[in-house]
């Protein structure tokens, strides 16, 4: 009986190897520049909170680790990411919280999520 269980386990493990090896392939992106408002993703996506009246709350959220994002004029939210592990991105956007910015970087869309690997960020007029 033990031999059957071990044999079945070995066969299942061998069948699962190709699935495990697939992983998540790197997604090619395209360089782009976006203009939008820096928002804290928690308050914006749950309460619709944004703008000058929400700035102090957004700053507190960002300091607590809530991710910031860029809300473009067409309503698309871009989440800043890094190809380096453990490289938080809030510091690149914190000085612009609830203000309009111009961001240039590598845009990728993964599983329906728009991301941008920020190269430059500046205040937009």
Foldseek 3Di string as FASTA:
>chain_A
DVVVVVVVVVVVVVVCVVVVVVPDDDFAWDKDKAKFAKEQVPCCVPPVDAAPVCLVVRLVCVVVPRFIWGQGPVRATEGEDAPDPPDHDSVQCNVRHRAMKMFIATWDADPNHIYGHTDDMDGDD
